[in-house]
């Protein structure tokens, strides 16, 4: 991430960020007004909230590029708000600048960074420094959004190209399995293995179709790959769901509303 941060810093020096939407979360109306004026003069849009619970509502109402978050607030404080933000896939990647009063315990700042904050500043704000940090975070968020969009488009293209030949392959395998009694025991076993492999590929294609972000997992030789696990299994009643379960030995879990109570 270091090179990404460096790139975003250089980019914002050459092309200062404008027209971003910043969510300011603070229970001090005077500081909110000061920050709002500073950001609007820079060309940003500002959405405000007086506590974490209200901030979560504002996030549901529209797109936010970055968040300026106070730690000590009533109803829902900054740390709890961060936990909600990082637990929600829709808000997990939004950069958060935590602000704190001078003299506030260093432990609180460390906890905020551990909870997922991207940066912190002390009150009162130094307006130029605040704008610079917000610019960096907005650029980071936009770079990440572009990368996520590129990953989704690539995954969509791959699943589209694979779907038609895979459907044909699975159809022909199904016809062969229907006459499996004509094959020797060894050939029948090979056919079952081939069908199970086809179902595995079908599941990968389905997961590609559902890719939303660009989260990665460690691979080999220090590299990372897009994490397709956890995208889900075929839903009950979906095409080939029963066959997939039989071939792979993995039961299909019905949606929660379809599960029968004991």
Protein backbone atom coordinates (compact mmCIF):
# COMPACT_ATOMS: atom_id res chain seq x y z
CA UNK A 1 0.00 0.00 0.00
CA UNK A 2 2.98 2.35 0.41
CA UNK A 3 3.34 2.96 -3.32
CA UNK A 4 -0.42 3.58 -3.61
CA UNK A 5 -0.27 6.20 -0.85
CA UNK A 6 2.78 7.82 -2.46
CA UNK A 7 1.05 7.91 -5.84
CA UNK A 8 -2.07 9.44 -4.30
CA UNK A 9 0.03 12.08 -2.53
CA UNK A 10 1.84 13.08 -5.74
CA UNK A 11 -1.41 13.05 -7.70
CA UNK A 12 -3.18 15.38 -5.27
CA UNK A 13 -0.27 17.84 -5.39
CA UNK A 14 -0.53 18.01 -9.17
CA UNK A 15 -4.32 17.78 -9.37
CA UNK A 16 -5.94 19.04 -6.12
CA UNK A 17 -9.09 17.11 -5.34
CA UNK A 18 -12.41 18.86 -5.84
CA UNK A 19 -16.01 17.78 -5.99
CA UNK A 20 -15.66 15.06 -3.34
CA UNK A 21 -18.34 14.23 -0.79
CA UNK A 22 -17.02 14.31 2.76
CA UNK A 23 -18.99 13.07 5.76
CA UNK A 24 -18.12 15.07 8.89
CA UNK A 25 -19.09 13.31 12.13
CA UNK A 26 -18.71 15.46 15.24
CA UNK A 27 -20.97 16.59 18.09
CA UNK A 28 -19.37 20.07 18.27
CA UNK A 29 -21.50 22.31 16.00
CA UNK A 30 -18.88 25.07 15.89
CA UNK A 31 -16.14 22.73 14.67
CA UNK A 32 -18.53 21.16 12.18
CA UNK A 33 -19.41 24.59 10.77
CA UNK A 34 -15.73 25.58 10.53
CA UNK A 35 -14.79 22.36 8.78
CA UNK A 36 -17.81 22.56 6.49
CA UNK A 37 -16.85 26.09 5.43
CA UNK A 38 -13.26 25.03 4.78
CA UNK A 39 -14.29 22.05 2.65
CA UNK A 40 -16.97 23.88 0.69
CA UNK A 41 -14.49 26.65 -0.19
CA UNK A 42 -12.24 23.90 -1.58
CA UNK A 43 -15.08 22.70 -3.81
CA UNK A 44 -16.25 19.71 -1.81
CA UNK A 45 -19.74 18.67 -0.80
CA UNK A 46 -20.23 18.13 2.92
CA UNK A 47 -22.64 15.86 4.75
CA UNK A 48 -22.78 16.14 8.54
CA UNK A 49 -23.76 13.93 11.46
CA UNK A 50 -23.60 14.60 15.19
CA UNK A 51 -22.90 11.00 16.23
CA UNK A 52 -22.03 7.60 14.84
CA UNK A 53 -25.57 6.33 14.55
CA UNK A 54 -26.60 9.32 12.45
CA UNK A 55 -23.45 8.85 10.35
CA UNK A 56 -24.48 5.29 9.46
CA UNK A 57 -27.83 6.64 8.28
CA UNK A 58 -26.11 9.28 6.12
CA UNK A 59 -23.96 6.57 4.55
CA UNK A 60 -27.10 4.73 3.45
CA UNK A 61 -28.45 7.88 1.80
CA UNK A 62 -25.72 8.49 -0.74
CA UNK A 63 -22.13 8.13 -1.92
CA UNK A 64 -19.36 9.24 0.45
CA UNK A 65 -15.70 9.64 -0.60
CA UNK A 66 -14.16 10.04 2.84
CA UNK A 67 -15.14 10.46 6.49
CA UNK A 68 -13.85 12.84 9.17
CA UNK A 69 -14.73 11.16 12.46
CA UNK A 70 -14.55 12.41 16.04
CA UNK A 71 -13.80 9.84 18.73
CA UNK A 72 -15.79 11.13 21.70
CA UNK A 73 -19.47 11.55 20.85
CA UNK A 74 -22.78 10.69 22.50
CA UNK A 75 -25.09 7.84 21.38
CA UNK A 76 -22.36 6.13 19.33
CA UNK A 77 -18.69 7.08 19.61
CA UNK A 78 -15.96 6.96 17.00
CA UNK A 79 -14.57 3.51 17.84
CA UNK A 80 -17.98 1.82 17.67
CA UNK A 81 -18.71 3.67 14.44
CA UNK A 82 -15.45 2.38 12.95
CA UNK A 83 -16.40 -1.17 13.86
CA UNK A 84 -19.68 -0.81 11.99
CA UNK A 85 -17.96 0.77 8.99
CA UNK A 86 -15.35 -1.95 8.63
CA UNK A 87 -17.87 -4.75 9.17
CA UNK A 88 -20.06 -3.56 6.29
CA UNK A 89 -18.79 -4.48 2.78
CA UNK A 90 -20.40 -1.32 1.37
CA UNK A 91 -18.45 1.00 3.70
CA UNK A 92 -15.36 -1.09 4.45
CA UNK A 93 -13.12 0.73 1.97
CA UNK A 94 -14.17 4.34 2.71
CA UNK A 95 -11.14 6.17 4.16
CA UNK A 96 -11.60 7.55 7.67
CA UNK A 97 -9.68 10.46 9.20
CA UNK A 98 -10.07 10.34 12.98
CA UNK A 99 -9.86 13.61 14.88
CA UNK A 100 -9.18 13.95 18.59
CA UNK A 101 -8.68 16.68 21.15
CA UNK A 102 -5.14 17.58 22.18
CA UNK A 103 -4.29 15.61 25.29
CA UNK A 104 -6.63 12.78 24.49
CA UNK A 105 -5.15 9.45 25.52
CA UNK A 106 -2.73 8.04 22.97
CA UNK A 107 -4.29 4.65 23.58
CA UNK A 108 -7.57 5.88 22.07
CA UNK A 109 -5.78 6.94 18.89
CA UNK A 110 -3.98 3.60 18.65
CA UNK A 111 -7.30 1.81 19.16
CA UNK A 112 -8.85 3.87 16.38
CA UNK A 113 -6.05 3.00 13.96
CA UNK A 114 -6.32 -0.67 14.93
CA UNK A 115 -10.07 -0.48 14.35
CA UNK A 116 -9.51 0.63 10.77
CA UNK A 117 -8.93 4.38 10.77
CA UNK A 118 -6.62 5.51 7.96
CA UNK A 119 -5.18 8.60 9.66
CA UNK A 120 -5.67 10.92 12.62
CA UNK A 121 -5.32 14.61 13.47
CA UNK A 122 -5.55 16.63 16.65
CA UNK A 123 -7.99 19.44 17.33
CA UNK A 124 -7.95 22.33 16.60
CA UNK A 125 -7.48 21.68 12.89
CA UNK A 126 -4.75 23.16 10.75
CA UNK A 127 -6.93 23.81 7.64
CA UNK A 128 -4.21 23.38 4.96
CA UNK A 129 -2.96 20.15 6.56
CA UNK A 130 -6.51 18.87 6.96
CA UNK A 131 -7.28 19.55 3.29
CA UNK A 132 -4.06 17.84 2.22
CA UNK A 133 -4.88 14.70 4.17
CA UNK A 134 -8.44 14.61 2.91
CA UNK A 135 -7.16 15.00 -0.65
CA UNK A 136 -4.86 12.01 -0.19
CA UNK A 137 -7.63 9.85 1.23
CA UNK A 138 -10.14 10.83 -1.46
CA UNK A 139 -7.60 9.92 -4.15
CA UNK A 140 -6.91 6.61 -2.41
CA UNK A 141 -10.64 5.86 -2.34
CA UNK A 142 -11.06 6.76 -5.99
CA UNK A 143 -8.07 4.65 -6.99
CA UNK A 144 -9.49 1.73 -5.06
CA UNK A 145 -12.92 2.24 -6.65
CA UNK A 146 -11.35 2.20 -10.11
CA UNK A 147 -9.46 -0.97 -9.30
CA UNK A 148 -12.61 -2.63 -7.95
CA UNK A 149 -14.51 -1.64 -11.09
CA UNK A 150 -11.76 -3.09 -13.28
CA UNK A 151 -11.82 -6.35 -11.29
CA UNK A 152 -15.62 -6.60 -11.64
CA UNK A 153 -15.45 -5.97 -15.39
CA UNK A 154 -12.69 -8.56 -15.83
CA UNK A 155 -14.59 -11.11 -13.74
CA UNK A 156 -17.74 -10.42 -15.73
CA UNK A 157 -15.96 -10.86 -19.04
CA UNK A 158 -14.34 -14.11 -17.89
CA UNK A 159 -17.61 -15.57 -16.64
CA UNK A 160 -19.37 -14.58 -19.87
CA UNK A 161 -16.73 -16.25 -22.04
CA UNK A 162 -16.75 -19.41 -19.92
CA UNK A 163 -20.51 -19.80 -19.48
CA UNK A 164 -21.48 -20.95 -22.98
CA UNK A 165 -18.83 -23.68 -23.50
CA UNK A 166 -19.30 -24.80 -19.89
CA UNK A 167 -23.07 -25.17 -20.37
CA UNK A 168 -22.41 -27.27 -23.46
CA UNK A 169 -19.85 -29.40 -21.62
CA UNK A 170 -22.18 -30.02 -18.67
CA UNK A 171 -25.05 -30.88 -21.01
CA UNK A 172 -23.00 -33.50 -22.86
CA UNK A 173 -21.70 -34.93 -19.59
CA UNK A 174 -25.26 -35.20 -18.34
CA UNK A 175 -26.19 -37.19 -21.46
CA UNK A 176 -23.26 -39.53 -20.92
CA UNK A 177 -24.12 -40.01 -17.24
CA UNK A 178 -27.66 -40.96 -18.28
CA UNK A 179 -26.12 -43.96 -20.08
CA UNK A 180 -23.41 -44.64 -17.52
CA UNK A 181 -24.41 -48.30 -17.34
CA UNK A 182 -22.92 -48.83 -20.80
CA UNK A 183 -19.44 -47.94 -19.59
CA UNK A 184 -16.92 -50.06 -17.77
CA UNK A 185 -16.52 -49.42 -14.05
CA UNK A 186 -13.24 -47.59 -14.68
CA UNK A 187 -14.68 -45.38 -17.42
CA UNK A 188 -17.79 -44.69 -15.33
CA UNK A 189 -15.59 -43.47 -12.49
CA UNK A 190 -13.68 -41.20 -14.88
CA UNK A 191 -16.99 -39.81 -16.07
CA UNK A 192 -18.13 -39.07 -12.52
CA UNK A 193 -14.83 -37.31 -11.80
CA UNK A 194 -15.20 -35.26 -14.99
CA UNK A 195 -18.75 -34.27 -14.05
CA UNK A 196 -17.68 -33.28 -10.53
CA UNK A 197 -14.87 -31.16 -12.02
CA UNK A 198 -17.36 -29.50 -14.38
CA UNK A 199 -19.57 -28.62 -11.41
CA UNK A 200 -16.53 -27.14 -9.65
CA UNK A 201 -15.81 -24.97 -12.68
CA UNK A 202 -19.48 -23.97 -12.81
CA UNK A 203 -19.23 -22.84 -9.20
CA UNK A 204 -16.14 -20.75 -9.99
CA UNK A 205 -18.00 -19.09 -12.88
CA UNK A 206 -20.94 -18.35 -10.60
CA UNK A 207 -18.60 -16.79 -8.05
CA UNK A 208 -17.00 -14.69 -10.76
CA UNK A 209 -20.43 -13.36 -11.61
CA UNK A 210 -20.90 -12.26 -8.01
CA UNK A 211 -17.54 -10.57 -7.46
CA UNK A 212 -18.13 -7.15 -5.88
CA UNK A 213 -14.73 -6.05 -4.65
CA UNK A 214 -11.04 -6.73 -4.99
CA UNK A 215 -10.21 -8.42 -1.69
CA UNK A 216 -7.22 -10.72 -2.05
CA UNK A 217 -5.74 -13.71 -0.25
CA UNK A 218 -2.14 -14.96 -0.13
CA UNK A 219 -1.15 -17.30 -2.94
CA UNK A 220 2.33 -18.60 -3.78
CA UNK A 221 5.75 -16.95 -3.86
CA UNK A 222 4.44 -13.91 -2.01
CA UNK A 223 1.75 -13.17 -4.60
CA UNK A 224 -1.94 -12.59 -3.91
CA UNK A 225 -5.09 -13.50 -5.84
CA UNK A 226 -8.70 -12.30 -5.81
CA UNK A 227 -10.61 -14.10 -3.07
CA UNK A 228 -13.51 -16.00 -4.61
CA UNK A 229 -14.21 -18.10 -1.53
CA UNK A 230 -17.21 -17.17 0.53
CA UNK A 231 -19.10 -15.88 -2.52
CA UNK A 232 -21.65 -18.58 -1.76
CA UNK A 233 -22.84 -21.91 -3.07
CA UNK A 234 -25.57 -22.64 -5.62
CA UNK A 235 -28.90 -21.65 -4.11
CA UNK A 236 -31.51 -24.33 -3.52
CA UNK A 237 -33.52 -24.89 -6.68
CA UNK A 238 -30.92 -23.32 -8.96
CA UNK A 239 -29.91 -25.16 -12.17
CA UNK A 240 -27.54 -28.03 -11.38
CA UNK A 241 -27.78 -27.35 -7.63
CA UNK A 242 -28.76 -30.94 -6.77
CA UNK A 243 -26.23 -32.37 -9.21
CA UNK A 244 -23.53 -30.13 -7.76
CA UNK A 245 -24.34 -31.33 -4.25
CA UNK A 246 -24.30 -34.99 -5.30
CA UNK A 247 -21.09 -34.72 -7.33
CA UNK A 248 -19.11 -32.70 -4.80
CA UNK A 249 -20.60 -34.07 -1.63
CA UNK A 250 -21.45 -30.54 -0.45
CA UNK A 251 -25.01 -30.04 0.82
CA UNK A 252 -26.92 -27.03 -0.51
CA UNK A 253 -28.01 -24.77 2.33
CA UNK A 254 -31.42 -23.18 1.73
CA UNK A 255 -31.83 -19.43 2.34
CA UNK A 256 -32.69 -18.53 5.96
CA UNK A 257 -36.34 -17.85 5.13
CA UNK A 258 -36.64 -21.32 3.58
CA UNK A 259 -35.13 -23.20 6.48
CA UNK A 260 -37.66 -25.16 8.46
CA UNK A 261 -37.82 -24.70 12.18
CA UNK A 262 -37.35 -27.86 14.20
